[in-house]
Amino acid sequence: MRYFLLGLGFLCVALGVLGIFLPLLPTTPFLLLASYLFYQSSPKAHEWLLNHKRLGPCITDFQIDKAISWRVKAYSISLLWLTIFLSVVFVLETWWVRILLLAIAVAVTIHILSFKTKEE
C-alpha cells in the first residue's frame, strides 16, 4: 500500500506541474493531495515536496494561510485567459462550446480570486 500511495503522490506532483502550464488543470489541489499521500507513505518524499524551491511555497502558503500570492494569481489568470482566448478565436467553431469555455474561464477566475492574497 505504501508504494501505491507513493506512486499516486508522484502522479499528483506531475499533474500539479502540468497544471502550471495548462490553465484548466488545477495545480494547488494536486500538490496538496501529493503532500498528503507522501505524508502517509514516505516522510522523505514529503520533506522533498515541502522543501522544493518552486512547489514547496505553494503548498505551505496554502496549508498555513489558505492564501495565494498575488504573483501566482496574476500568472494563473493571465495564462487561463490567454489560452481560452486563443481556443475560442482560432480553434473552436461551435458557438455553444465557445460560450461554455468562456463560462468555465469566468468560474475559474472567480474561484482563484476568492482566496485571500498572501503578502509577499
PDB file of N, CA and C in Angstrom:
ATOM      1  N   MET A   1       0.825  -1.194   0.000  1.00  0.00           N
ATOM      2  CA  MET A   1       0.000   0.000   0.000  1.00  0.00           C
ATOM      3  C   MET A   1       0.871   1.261   0.000  1.00  0.00           C
ATOM      4  N   ARG A   2       1.994   1.193   0.715  1.00  0.00           N
ATOM      5  CA  ARG A   2       2.907   2.331   0.812  1.00  0.00           C
ATOM      6  C   ARG A   2       3.401   2.754  -0.570  1.00  0.00           C
ATOM      7  N   TYR A   3       3.777   1.779  -1.405  1.00  0.00           N
ATOM      8  CA  TYR A   3       4.287   2.080  -2.742  1.00  0.00           C
ATOM      9  C   TYR A   3       3.182   2.609  -3.654  1.00  0.00           C
ATOM     10  N   PHE A   4       1.979   2.125  -3.462  1.00  0.00           N
ATOM     11  CA  PHE A   4       0.837   2.619  -4.237  1.00  0.00           C
ATOM     12  C   PHE A   4       0.598   4.102  -3.931  1.00  0.00           C
ATOM     13  N   LEU A   5       0.592   4.451  -2.643  1.00  0.00           N
ATOM     14  CA  LEU A   5       0.391   5.842  -2.240  1.00  0.00           C
ATOM     15  C   LEU A   5       1.536   6.730  -2.718  1.00  0.00           C
ATOM     16  N   LEU A   6       2.748   6.207  -2.660  1.00  0.00           N
ATOM     17  CA  LEU A   6       3.910   6.949  -3.123  1.00  0.00           C
ATOM     18  C   LEU A   6       3.808   7.214  -4.630  1.00  0.00           C
ATOM     19  N   GLY A   7       3.452   6.187  -5.395  1.00  0.00           N
ATOM     20  CA  GLY A   7       3.281   6.348  -6.836  1.00  0.00           C
ATOM     21  C   GLY A   7       2.172   7.325  -7.170  1.00  0.00           C
ATOM     22  N   LEU A   8       1.073   7.232  -6.431  1.00  0.00           N
ATOM     23  CA  LEU A   8      -0.043   8.152  -6.628  1.00  0.00           C
ATOM     24  C   LEU A   8       0.382   9.585  -6.283  1.00  0.00           C
ATOM     25  N   GLY A   9       1.214   9.721  -5.273  1.00  0.00           N
ATOM     26  CA  GLY A   9       1.738  11.041  -4.905  1.00  0.00           C
ATOM     27  C   GLY A   9       2.571  11.651  -6.024  1.00  0.00           C
ATOM     28  N   PHE A  10       3.438  10.851  -6.633  1.00  0.00           N
ATOM     29  CA  PHE A  10       4.242  11.360  -7.744  1.00  0.00           C
ATOM     30  C   PHE A  10       3.388  11.670  -8.969  1.00  0.00           C
ATOM     31  N   LEU A  11       2.331  10.905  -9.179  1.00  0.00           N
ATOM     32  CA  LEU A  11       1.392  11.208 -10.260  1.00  0.00           C
ATOM     33  C   LEU A  11       0.728  12.567 -10.001  1.00  0.00           C
ATOM     34  N   CYS A  12       0.344  12.806  -8.760  1.00  0.00           N
ATOM     35  CA  CYS A  12      -0.268  14.099  -8.397  1.00  0.00           C
ATOM     36  C   CYS A  12       0.718  15.249  -8.572  1.00  0.00           C
ATOM     37  N   VAL A  13       1.986  15.027  -8.249  1.00  0.00           N
ATOM     38  CA  VAL A  13       3.002  16.065  -8.469  1.00  0.00           C
ATOM     39  C   VAL A  13       3.102  16.367  -9.964  1.00  0.00           C
ATOM     40  N   ALA A  14       3.133  15.320 -10.786  1.00  0.00           N
ATOM     41  CA  ALA A  14       3.222  15.510 -12.236  1.00  0.00           C
ATOM     42  C   ALA A  14       2.008  16.280 -12.759  1.00  0.00           C
ATOM     43  N   LEU A  15       0.820  15.921 -12.288  1.00  0.00           N
ATOM     44  CA  LEU A  15      -0.388  16.631 -12.714  1.00  0.00           C
ATOM     45  C   LEU A  15      -0.373  18.076 -12.221  1.00  0.00           C
ATOM     46  N   GLY A  16       0.133  18.295 -11.018  1.00  0.00           N
ATOM     47  CA  GLY A  16       0.244  19.651 -10.490  1.00  0.00           C
ATOM     48  C   GLY A  16       1.201  20.501 -11.311  1.00  0.00           C
ATOM     49  N   VAL A  17       2.314  19.920 -11.712  1.00  0.00           N
ATOM     50  CA  VAL A  17       3.270  20.647 -12.548  1.00  0.00           C
ATOM     51  C   VAL A  17       2.652  20.945 -13.914  1.00  0.00           C
ATOM     52  N   LEU A  18       1.949  19.985 -14.476  1.00  0.00           N
ATOM     53  CA  LEU A  18       1.242  20.235 -15.740  1.00  0.00           C
ATOM     54  C   LEU A  18       0.223  21.359 -15.579  1.00  0.00           C
ATOM     55  N   GLY A  19      -0.396  21.425 -14.409  1.00  0.00           N
ATOM     56  CA  GLY A  19      -1.382  22.455 -14.135  1.00  0.00           C
ATOM     57  C   GLY A  19      -0.800  23.863 -14.144  1.00  0.00           C
ATOM     58  N   ILE A  20       0.496  23.973 -13.975  1.00  0.00           N
ATOM     59  CA  ILE A  20       1.145  25.285 -14.064  1.00  0.00           C
ATOM     60  C   ILE A  20       1.014  25.821 -15.486  1.00  0.00           C
ATOM     61  N   PHE A  21       1.062  24.917 -16.458  1.00  0.00           N
ATOM     62  CA  PHE A  21       1.062  25.321 -17.864  1.00  0.00           C
ATOM     63  C   PHE A  21      -0.283  25.150 -18.554  1.00  0.00           C
ATOM     64  N   LEU A  22      -1.139  24.292 -18.024  1.00  0.00           N
ATOM     65  CA  LEU A  22      -2.461  24.063 -18.602  1.00  0.00           C
ATOM     66  C   LEU A  22      -3.503  24.704 -17.691  1.00  0.00           C
ATOM     67  N   PRO A  23      -4.140  25.761 -18.139  1.00  0.00           N
ATOM     68  CA  PRO A  23      -4.969  26.577 -17.254  1.00  0.00           C
ATOM     69  C   PRO A  23      -6.172  25.890 -16.621  1.00  0.00           C
ATOM     70  N   LEU A  24      -6.746  24.883 -17.242  1.00  0.00           N
ATOM     71  CA  LEU A  24      -7.925  24.260 -16.643  1.00  0.00           C
ATOM     72  C   LEU A  24      -7.571  23.100 -15.713  1.00  0.00           C
ATOM     73  N   LEU A  25      -6.286  22.770 -15.624  1.00  0.00           N
ATOM     74  CA  LEU A  25      -5.827  21.717 -14.728  1.00  0.00           C
ATOM     75  C   LEU A  25      -5.298  22.390 -13.459  1.00  0.00           C
ATOM     76  N   PRO A  26      -5.912  22.129 -12.313  1.00  0.00           N
ATOM     77  CA  PRO A  26      -5.514  22.852 -11.100  1.00  0.00           C
ATOM     78  C   PRO A  26      -4.153  22.385 -10.568  1.00  0.00           C
ATOM     79  N   THR A  27      -3.379  23.319 -10.100  1.00  0.00           N
ATOM     80  CA  THR A  27      -2.057  22.994  -9.557  1.00  0.00           C
ATOM     81  C   THR A  27      -2.122  22.693  -8.068  1.00  0.00           C
ATOM     82  N   THR A  28      -2.643  23.634  -7.291  1.00  0.00           N
ATOM     83  CA  THR A  28      -2.602  23.518  -5.835  1.00  0.00           C
ATOM     84  C   THR A  28      -3.325  22.289  -5.300  1.00  0.00           C
ATOM     85  N   PRO A  29      -4.529  21.949  -5.775  1.00  0.00           N
ATOM     86  CA  PRO A  29      -5.173  20.747  -5.230  1.00  0.00           C
ATOM     87  C   PRO A  29      -4.358  19.471  -5.455  1.00  0.00           C
ATOM     88  N   PHE A  30      -3.725  19.347  -6.620  1.00  0.00           N
ATOM     89  CA  PHE A  30      -2.901  18.166  -6.875  1.00  0.00           C
ATOM     90  C   PHE A  30      -1.674  18.147  -5.973  1.00  0.00           C
ATOM     91  N   LEU A  31      -1.074  19.305  -5.744  1.00  0.00           N
ATOM     92  CA  LEU A  31       0.103  19.357  -4.866  1.00  0.00           C
ATOM     93  C   LEU A  31      -0.285  19.096  -3.413  1.00  0.00           C
ATOM     94  N   LEU A  32      -1.442  19.579  -2.992  1.00  0.00           N
ATOM     95  CA  LEU A  32      -1.904  19.287  -1.631  1.00  0.00           C
ATOM     96  C   LEU A  32      -2.188  17.795  -1.455  1.00  0.00           C
ATOM     97  N   LEU A  33      -2.797  17.197  -2.467  1.00  0.00           N
ATOM     98  CA  LEU A  33      -3.048  15.755  -2.411  1.00  0.00           C
ATOM     99  C   LEU A  33      -1.738  14.983  -2.402  1.00  0.00           C
ATOM    100  N   ALA A  34      -0.783  15.404  -3.209  1.00  0.00           N
ATOM    101  CA  ALA A  34       0.528  14.761  -3.215  1.00  0.00           C
ATOM    102  C   ALA A  34       1.186  14.872  -1.842  1.00  0.00           C
ATOM    103  N   SER A  35       1.075  16.035  -1.214  1.00  0.00           N
ATOM    104  CA  SER A  35       1.642  16.229   0.116  1.00  0.00           C
ATOM    105  C   SER A  35       1.027  15.247   1.111  1.00  0.00           C
ATOM    106  N   TYR A  36      -0.285  15.101   1.061  1.00  0.00           N
ATOM    107  CA  TYR A  36      -0.970  14.166   1.955  1.00  0.00           C
ATOM    108  C   TYR A  36      -0.536  12.724   1.680  1.00  0.00           C
ATOM    109  N   LEU A  37      -0.486  12.355   0.400  1.00  0.00           N
ATOM    110  CA  LEU A  37      -0.097  10.981   0.050  1.00  0.00           C
ATOM    111  C   LEU A  37       1.341  10.696   0.462  1.00  0.00           C
ATOM    112  N   PHE A  38       2.226  11.668   0.284  1.00  0.00           N
ATOM    113  CA  PHE A  38       3.612  11.495   0.722  1.00  0.00           C
ATOM    114  C   PHE A  38       3.703  11.421   2.242  1.00  0.00           C
ATOM    115  N   TYR A  39       2.897  12.204   2.920  1.00  0.00           N
ATOM    116  CA  TYR A  39       2.871  12.175   4.382  1.00  0.00           C
ATOM    117  C   TYR A  39       2.488  10.779   4.879  1.00  0.00           C
ATOM    118  N   GLN A  40       1.541  10.160   4.178  1.00  0.00           N
ATOM    119  CA  GLN A  40       1.078   8.823   4.551  1.00  0.00           C
ATOM    120  C   GLN A  40       2.066   7.721   4.171  1.00  0.00           C
ATOM    121  N   SER A  41       2.879   7.948   3.142  1.00  0.00           N
ATOM    122  CA  SER A  41       3.686   6.854   2.620  1.00  0.00           C
ATOM    123  C   SER A  41       5.193   7.020   2.779  1.00  0.00           C
ATOM    124  N   SER A  42       5.697   8.256   2.716  1.00  0.00           N
ATOM    125  CA  SER A  42       7.139   8.454   2.726  1.00  0.00           C
ATOM    126  C   SER A  42       7.508   9.818   3.301  1.00  0.00           C
ATOM    127  N   PRO A  43       8.009   9.838   4.531  1.00  0.00           N
ATOM    128  CA  PRO A  43       8.439  11.116   5.106  1.00  0.00           C
ATOM    129  C   PRO A  43       9.507  11.815   4.260  1.00  0.00           C
ATOM    130  N   LYS A  44      10.363  11.033   3.620  1.00  0.00           N
ATOM    131  CA  LYS A  44      11.422  11.605   2.786  1.00  0.00           C
ATOM    132  C   LYS A  44      10.836  12.339   1.582  1.00  0.00           C
ATOM    133  N   ALA A  45       9.862  11.731   0.903  1.00  0.00           N
ATOM    134  CA  ALA A  45       9.210  12.368  -0.241  1.00  0.00           C
ATOM    135  C   ALA A  45       8.408  13.588   0.213  1.00  0.00           C
ATOM    136  N   HIS A  46       7.777  13.491   1.379  1.00  0.00           N
ATOM    137  CA  HIS A  46       7.016  14.619   1.921  1.00  0.00           C
ATOM    138  C   HIS A  46       7.930  15.807   2.187  1.00  0.00           C
ATOM    139  N   GLU A  47       9.052  15.565   2.797  1.00  0.00           N
ATOM    140  CA  GLU A  47      10.026  16.633   3.062  1.00  0.00           C
ATOM    141  C   GLU A  47      10.553  17.220   1.755  1.00  0.00           C
ATOM    142  N   TRP A  48      10.824  16.343   0.776  1.00  0.00           N
ATOM    143  CA  TRP A  48      11.304  16.812  -0.525  1.00  0.00           C
ATOM    144  C   TRP A  48      10.302  17.789  -1.145  1.00  0.00           C
ATOM    145  N   LEU A  49       9.032  17.422  -1.126  1.00  0.00           N
ATOM    146  CA  LEU A  49       8.000  18.257  -1.726  1.00  0.00           C
ATOM    147  C   LEU A  49       7.856  19.584  -0.988  1.00  0.00           C
ATOM    148  N   LEU A  50       7.825  19.547   0.329  1.00  0.00           N
ATOM    149  CA  LEU A  50       7.671  20.780   1.103  1.00  0.00           C
ATOM    150  C   LEU A  50       8.883  21.696   0.982  1.00  0.00           C
ATOM    151  N   ASN A  51      10.062  21.116   0.757  1.00  0.00           N
ATOM    152  CA  ASN A  51      11.287  21.917   0.646  1.00  0.00           C
ATOM    153  C   ASN A  51      11.657  22.239  -0.800  1.00  0.00           C
ATOM    154  N   HIS A  52      10.830  21.816  -1.747  1.00  0.00           N
ATOM    155  CA  HIS A  52      11.096  22.090  -3.156  1.00  0.00           C
ATOM    156  C   HIS A  52      11.074  23.603  -3.382  1.00  0.00           C
ATOM    157  N   LYS A  53      12.022  24.094  -4.166  1.00  0.00           N
ATOM    158  CA  LYS A  53      12.181  25.530  -4.381  1.00  0.00           C
ATOM    159  C   LYS A  53      10.935  26.170  -4.990  1.00  0.00           C
ATOM    160  N   ARG A  54      10.310  25.523  -5.956  1.00  0.00           N
ATOM    161  CA  ARG A  54       9.160  26.102  -6.659  1.00  0.00           C
ATOM    162  C   ARG A  54       7.812  25.610  -6.105  1.00  0.00           C
ATOM    163  N   LEU A  55       7.719  24.324  -5.797  1.00  0.00           N
ATOM    164  CA  LEU A  55       6.440  23.744  -5.396  1.00  0.00           C
ATOM    165  C   LEU A  55       6.154  23.891  -3.908  1.00  0.00           C
ATOM    166  N   GLY A  56       7.177  23.862  -3.100  1.00  0.00           N
ATOM    167  CA  GLY A  56       7.011  23.915  -1.649  1.00  0.00           C
ATOM    168  C   GLY A  56       6.263  25.138  -1.140  1.00  0.00           C
ATOM    169  N   PRO A  57       6.654  26.348  -1.575  1.00  0.00           N
ATOM    170  CA  PRO A  57       5.946  27.539  -1.083  1.00  0.00           C
ATOM    171  C   PRO A  57       4.458  27.538  -1.427  1.00  0.00           C
ATOM    172  N   CYS A  58       4.103  27.015  -2.567  1.00  0.00           N
ATOM    173  CA  CYS A  58       2.687  26.950  -2.966  1.00  0.00           C
ATOM    174  C   CYS A  58       1.897  26.114  -1.960  1.00  0.00           C
ATOM    175  N   ILE A  59       2.481  25.010  -1.545  1.00  0.00           N
ATOM    176  CA  ILE A  59       1.804  24.110  -0.600  1.00  0.00           C
ATOM    177  C   ILE A  59       1.743  24.727   0.785  1.00  0.00           C
ATOM    178  N   THR A  60       2.881  25.193   1.286  1.00  0.00           N
ATOM    179  CA  THR A  60       2.904  25.712   2.651  1.00  0.00           C
ATOM    180  C   THR A  60       2.081  26.992   2.783  1.00  0.00           C
ATOM    181  N   ASP A  61       2.135  27.867   1.765  1.00  0.00           N
ATOM    182  CA  ASP A  61       1.311  29.079   1.814  1.00  0.00           C
ATOM    183  C   ASP A  61      -0.165  28.718   1.927  1.00  0.00           C
ATOM    184  N   PHE A  62      -0.578  27.757   1.145  1.00  0.00           N
ATOM    185  CA  PHE A  62      -1.988  27.404   1.147  1.00  0.00           C
ATOM    186  C   PHE A  62      -2.379  26.655   2.423  1.00  0.00           C
ATOM    187  N   GLN A  63      -1.518  25.752   2.899  1.00  0.00           N
ATOM    188  CA  GLN A  63      -1.832  24.997   4.114  1.00  0.00           C
ATOM    189  C   GLN A  63      -1.884  25.901   5.344  1.00  0.00           C
ATOM    190  N   ILE A  64      -0.984  26.830   5.427  1.00  0.00           N
ATOM    191  CA  ILE A  64      -0.898  27.670   6.619  1.00  0.00           C
ATOM    192  C   ILE A  64      -1.885  28.843   6.557  1.00  0.00           C
ATOM    193  N   ASP A  65      -1.864  29.575   5.448  1.00  0.00           N
ATOM    194  CA  ASP A  65      -2.628  30.818   5.364  1.00  0.00           C
ATOM    195  C   ASP A  65      -3.916  30.716   4.560  1.00  0.00           C
ATOM    196  N   LYS A  66      -4.120  29.598   3.860  1.00  0.00           N
ATOM    197  CA  LYS A  66      -5.256  29.487   2.921  1.00  0.00           C
ATOM    198  C   LYS A  66      -5.234  30.674   1.955  1.00  0.00           C
ATOM    199  N   ALA A  67      -4.016  31.009   1.475  1.00  0.00           N
ATOM    200  CA  ALA A  67      -3.839  32.178   0.631  1.00  0.00           C
ATOM    201  C   ALA A  67      -2.961  31.842  -0.569  1.00  0.00           C
ATOM    202  N   ILE A  68      -3.121  32.650  -1.625  1.00  0.00           N
ATOM    203  CA  ILE A  68      -2.330  32.517  -2.840  1.00  0.00           C
ATOM    204  C   ILE A  68      -1.666  33.868  -3.075  1.00  0.00           C
ATOM    205  N   SER A  69      -0.396  33.854  -3.459  1.00  0.00           N
ATOM    206  CA  SER A  69       0.294  35.124  -3.683  1.00  0.00           C
ATOM    207  C   SER A  69      -0.293  35.844  -4.889  1.00  0.00           C
ATOM    208  N   TRP A  70      -0.139  37.162  -4.888  1.00  0.00           N
ATOM    209  CA  TRP A  70      -0.665  37.978  -5.984  1.00  0.00           C
ATOM    210  C   TRP A  70      -0.008  37.564  -7.299  1.00  0.00           C
ATOM    211  N   ARG A  71       1.289  37.267  -7.263  1.00  0.00           N
ATOM    212  CA  ARG A  71       2.015  36.860  -8.464  1.00  0.00           C
ATOM    213  C   ARG A  71       1.443  35.575  -9.054  1.00  0.00           C
ATOM    214  N   VAL A  72       1.147  34.603  -8.210  1.00  0.00           N
ATOM    215  CA  VAL A  72       0.593  33.330  -8.676  1.00  0.00           C
ATOM    216  C   VAL A  72      -0.822  33.546  -9.216  1.00  0.00           C
ATOM    217  N   LYS A  73      -1.607  34.362  -8.535  1.00  0.00           N
ATOM    218  CA  LYS A  73      -2.949  34.664  -9.030  1.00  0.00           C
ATOM    219  C   LYS A  73      -2.880  35.315 -10.412  1.00  0.00           C
ATOM    220  N   ALA A  74      -2.034  36.318 -10.557  1.00  0.00           N
ATOM    221  CA  ALA A  74      -1.925  37.039 -11.829  1.00  0.00           C
ATOM    222  C   ALA A  74      -1.448  36.113 -12.943  1.00  0.00           C
ATOM    223  N   TYR A  75      -0.459  35.288 -12.648  1.00  0.00           N
ATOM    224  CA  TYR A  75       0.064  34.352 -13.645  1.00  0.00           C
ATOM    225  C   TYR A  75      -1.015  33.352 -14.048  1.00  0.00           C
ATOM    226  N   SER A  76      -1.712  32.798 -13.078  1.00  0.00           N
ATOM    227  CA  SER A  76      -2.741  31.791 -13.355  1.00  0.00           C
ATOM    228  C   SER A  76      -3.880  32.363 -14.198  1.00  0.00           C
ATOM    229  N   ILE A  77      -4.367  33.517 -13.803  1.00  0.00           N
ATOM    230  CA  ILE A  77      -5.492  34.124 -14.517  1.00  0.00           C
ATOM    231  C   ILE A  77      -5.062  34.574 -15.916  1.00  0.00           C
ATOM    232  N   SER A  78      -3.869  35.127 -16.034  1.00  0.00           N
ATOM    233  CA  SER A  78      -3.377  35.555 -17.354  1.00  0.00           C
ATOM    234  C   SER A  78      -3.236  34.378 -18.309  1.00  0.00           C
ATOM    235  N   LEU A  79      -2.620  33.312 -17.826  1.00  0.00           N
ATOM    236  CA  LEU A  79      -2.441  32.137 -18.675  1.00  0.00           C
ATOM    237  C   LEU A  79      -3.793  31.494 -19.015  1.00  0.00           C
ATOM    238  N   LEU A  80      -4.691  31.469 -18.048  1.00  0.00           N
ATOM    239  CA  LEU A  80      -6.034  30.942 -18.280  1.00  0.00           C
ATOM    240  C   LEU A  80      -6.715  31.689 -19.419  1.00  0.00           C
ATOM    241  N   TRP A  81      -6.757  33.016 -19.330  1.00  0.00           N
ATOM    242  CA  TRP A  81      -7.471  33.804 -20.329  1.00  0.00           C
ATOM    243  C   TRP A  81      -6.764  33.821 -21.675  1.00  0.00           C
ATOM    244  N   LEU A  82      -5.435  33.773 -21.682  1.00  0.00           N
ATOM    245  CA  LEU A  82      -4.712  33.697 -22.950  1.00  0.00           C
ATOM    246  C   LEU A  82      -5.065  32.409 -23.687  1.00  0.00           C
ATOM    247  N   THR A  83      -5.054  31.303 -22.969  1.00  0.00           N
ATOM    248  CA  THR A  83      -5.362  30.012 -23.573  1.00  0.00           C
ATOM    249  C   THR A  83      -6.819  29.937 -24.021  1.00  0.00           C
ATOM    250  N   ILE A  84      -7.710  30.405 -23.187  1.00  0.00           N
ATOM    251  CA  ILE A  84      -9.135  30.398 -23.545  1.00  0.00           C
ATOM    252  C   ILE A  84      -9.378  31.279 -24.767  1.00  0.00           C
ATOM    253  N   PHE A  85      -8.787  32.466 -24.774  1.00  0.00           N
ATOM    254  CA  PHE A  85      -8.957  33.379 -25.902  1.00  0.00           C
ATOM    255  C   PHE A  85      -8.469  32.746 -27.205  1.00  0.00           C
ATOM    256  N   LEU A  86      -7.278  32.162 -27.170  1.00  0.00           N
ATOM    257  CA  LEU A  86      -6.745  31.526 -28.374  1.00  0.00           C
ATOM    258  C   LEU A  86      -7.631  30.373 -28.843  1.00  0.00           C
ATOM    259  N   SER A  87      -8.144  29.612 -27.903  1.00  0.00           N
ATOM    260  CA  SER A  87      -9.028  28.495 -28.253  1.00  0.00           C
ATOM    261  C   SER A  87     -10.334  28.977 -28.866  1.00  0.00           C
ATOM    262  N   VAL A  88     -10.934  29.985 -28.242  1.00  0.00           N
ATOM    263  CA  VAL A  88     -12.219  30.498 -28.712  1.00  0.00           C
ATOM    264  C   VAL A  88     -12.086  31.157 -30.085  1.00  0.00           C
ATOM    265  N   VAL A  89     -11.011  31.898 -30.299  1.00  0.00           N
ATOM    266  CA  VAL A  89     -10.863  32.636 -31.548  1.00  0.00           C
ATOM    267  C   VAL A  89     -10.336  31.764 -32.692  1.00  0.00           C
ATOM    268  N   PHE A  90      -9.344  30.919 -32.413  1.00  0.00           N
ATOM    269  CA  PHE A  90      -8.657  30.223 -33.500  1.00  0.00           C
ATOM    270  C   PHE A  90      -8.963  28.726 -33.622  1.00  0.00           C
ATOM    271  N   VAL A  91      -9.470  28.106 -32.582  1.00  0.00           N
ATOM    272  CA  VAL A  91      -9.632  26.651 -32.614  1.00  0.00           C
ATOM    273  C   VAL A  91     -11.092  26.222 -32.728  1.00  0.00           C
ATOM    274  N   LEU A  92     -11.922  26.777 -31.895  1.00  0.00           N
ATOM    275  CA  LEU A  92     -13.303  26.314 -31.806  1.00  0.00           C
ATOM    276  C   LEU A  92     -14.200  26.982 -32.848  1.00  0.00           C
ATOM    277  N   GLU A  93     -15.100  26.191 -33.390  1.00  0.00           N
ATOM    278  CA  GLU A  93     -16.045  26.729 -34.359  1.00  0.00           C
ATOM    279  C   GLU A  93     -17.480  26.702 -33.839  1.00  0.00           C
ATOM    280  N   THR A  94     -17.772  25.843 -32.890  1.00  0.00           N
ATOM    281  CA  THR A  94     -19.125  25.703 -32.359  1.00  0.00           C
ATOM    282  C   THR A  94     -19.381  26.795 -31.324  1.00  0.00           C
ATOM    283  N   TRP A  95     -20.445  27.566 -31.536  1.00  0.00           N
ATOM    284  CA  TRP A  95     -20.725  28.714 -30.669  1.00  0.00           C
ATOM    285  C   TRP A  95     -21.003  28.315 -29.237  1.00  0.00           C
ATOM    286  N   TRP A  96     -21.707  27.193 -29.004  1.00  0.00           N
ATOM    287  CA  TRP A  96     -22.052  26.827 -27.636  1.00  0.00           C
ATOM    288  C   TRP A  96     -20.839  26.318 -26.870  1.00  0.00           C
ATOM    289  N   VAL A  97     -19.871  25.729 -27.569  1.00  0.00           N
ATOM    290  CA  VAL A  97     -18.634  25.289 -26.906  1.00  0.00           C
ATOM    291  C   VAL A  97     -17.805  26.518 -26.517  1.00  0.00           C
ATOM    292  N   ARG A  98     -17.819  27.533 -27.372  1.00  0.00           N
ATOM    293  CA  ARG A  98     -17.127  28.787 -27.046  1.00  0.00           C
ATOM    294  C   ARG A  98     -17.716  29.414 -25.781  1.00  0.00           C
ATOM    295  N   ILE A  99     -19.037  29.465 -25.721  1.00  0.00           N
ATOM    296  CA  ILE A  99     -19.714  30.047 -24.554  1.00  0.00           C
ATOM    297  C   ILE A  99     -19.417  29.220 -23.301  1.00  0.00           C
ATOM    298  N   LEU A 100     -19.460  27.905 -23.436  1.00  0.00           N
ATOM    299  CA  LEU A 100     -19.156  27.026 -22.302  1.00  0.00           C
ATOM    300  C   LEU A 100     -17.732  27.256 -21.800  1.00  0.00           C
ATOM    301  N   LEU A 101     -16.782  27.343 -22.716  1.00  0.00           N
ATOM    302  CA  LEU A 101     -15.391  27.563 -22.333  1.00  0.00           C
ATOM    303  C   LEU A 101     -15.208  28.918 -21.651  1.00  0.00           C
ATOM    304  N   LEU A 102     -15.868  29.936 -22.165  1.00  0.00           N
ATOM    305  CA  LEU A 102     -15.796  31.254 -21.529  1.00  0.00           C
ATOM    306  C   LEU A 102     -16.437  31.240 -20.137  1.00  0.00           C
ATOM    307  N   ALA A 103     -17.533  30.521 -19.980  1.00  0.00           N
ATOM    308  CA  ALA A 103     -18.181  30.404 -18.666  1.00  0.00           C
ATOM    309  C   ALA A 103     -17.264  29.690 -17.677  1.00  0.00           C
ATOM    310  N   ILE A 104     -16.595  28.643 -18.133  1.00  0.00           N
ATOM    311  CA  ILE A 104     -15.643  27.936 -17.263  1.00  0.00           C
ATOM    312  C   ILE A 104     -14.516  28.871 -16.859  1.00  0.00           C
ATOM    313  N   ALA A 105     -14.014  29.662 -17.800  1.00  0.00           N
ATOM    314  CA  ALA A 105     -12.933  30.603 -17.500  1.00  0.00           C
ATOM    315  C   ALA A 105     -13.372  31.639 -16.463  1.00  0.00           C
ATOM    316  N   VAL A 106     -14.596  32.125 -16.591  1.00  0.00           N
ATOM    317  CA  VAL A 106     -15.117  33.079 -15.609  1.00  0.00           C
ATOM    318  C   VAL A 106     -15.202  32.421 -14.229  1.00  0.00           C
ATOM    319  N   ALA A 107     -15.713  31.189 -14.187  1.00  0.00           N
ATOM    320  CA  ALA A 107     -15.846  30.479 -12.908  1.00  0.00           C
ATOM    321  C   ALA A 107     -14.485  30.223 -12.267  1.00  0.00           C
ATOM    322  N   VAL A 108     -13.511  29.822 -13.058  1.00  0.00           N
ATOM    323  CA  VAL A 108     -12.171  29.558 -12.519  1.00  0.00           C
ATOM    324  C   VAL A 108     -11.536  30.857 -12.027  1.00  0.00           C
ATOM    325  N   THR A 109     -11.733  31.940 -12.770  1.00  0.00           N
ATOM    326  CA  THR A 109     -11.209  33.239 -12.345  1.00  0.00           C
ATOM    327  C   THR A 109     -11.814  33.660 -11.007  1.00  0.00           C
ATOM    328  N   ILE A 110     -13.109  33.527 -10.877  1.00  0.00           N
ATOM    329  CA  ILE A 110     -13.778  33.865  -9.617  1.00  0.00           C
ATOM    330  C   ILE A 110     -13.260  32.991  -8.479  1.00  0.00           C
ATOM    331  N   HIS A 111     -13.063  31.715  -8.763  1.00  0.00           N
ATOM    332  CA  HIS A 111     -12.554  30.790  -7.740  1.00  0.00           C
ATOM    333  C   HIS A 111     -11.148  31.208  -7.288  1.00  0.00           C
ATOM    334  N   ILE A 112     -10.283  31.515  -8.229  1.00  0.00           N
ATOM    335  CA  ILE A 112      -8.920  31.922  -7.869  1.00  0.00           C
ATOM    336  C   ILE A 112      -8.942  33.216  -7.060  1.00  0.00           C
ATOM    337  N   LEU A 113      -9.754  34.164  -7.489  1.00  0.00           N
ATOM    338  CA  LEU A 113      -9.819  35.451  -6.783  1.00  0.00           C
ATOM    339  C   LEU A 113     -10.506  35.360  -5.423  1.00  0.00           C
ATOM    340  N   SER A 114     -11.236  34.267  -5.192  1.00  0.00           N
ATOM    341  CA  SER A 114     -11.934  34.127  -3.913  1.00  0.00           C
ATOM    342  C   SER A 114     -10.990  33.812  -2.751  1.00  0.00           C
ATOM    343  N   PHE A 115      -9.792  33.349  -3.049  1.00  0.00           N
ATOM    344  CA  PHE A 115      -8.828  33.069  -1.993  1.00  0.00           C
ATOM    345  C   PHE A 115      -8.146  34.353  -1.545  1.00  0.00           C
ATOM    346  N   LYS A 116      -7.756  34.380  -0.291  1.00  0.00           N
ATOM    347  CA  LYS A 116      -7.014  35.518   0.226  1.00  0.00           C
ATOM    348  C   LYS A 116      -5.729  35.677  -0.567  1.00  0.00           C
ATOM    349  N   THR A 117      -5.254  36.909  -0.635  1.00  0.00           N
ATOM    350  CA  THR A 117      -3.981  37.176  -1.311  1.00  0.00           C
ATOM    351  C   THR A 117      -2.895  37.245  -0.254  1.00  0.00           C
ATOM    352  N   LYS A 118      -1.863  36.438  -0.446  1.00  0.00           N
ATOM    353  CA  LYS A 118      -0.738  36.411   0.501  1.00  0.00           C
ATOM    354  C   LYS A 118       0.214  37.550   0.162  1.00  0.00           C
ATOM    355  N   GLU A 119       0.571  38.291   1.175  1.00  0.00           N
ATOM    356  CA  GLU A 119       1.539  39.371   1.003  1.00  0.00           C
ATOM    357  C   GLU A 119       2.920  38.762   0.817  1.00  0.00           C
ATOM    358  N   GLU A 120       3.645  39.254  -0.183  1.00  0.00           N
ATOM    359  CA  GLU A 120       4.972  38.688  -0.452  1.00  0.00           C
ATOM    360  C   GLU A 120       6.040  39.537   0.171  1.00  0.00           C
TER     361      GLU A 120
END
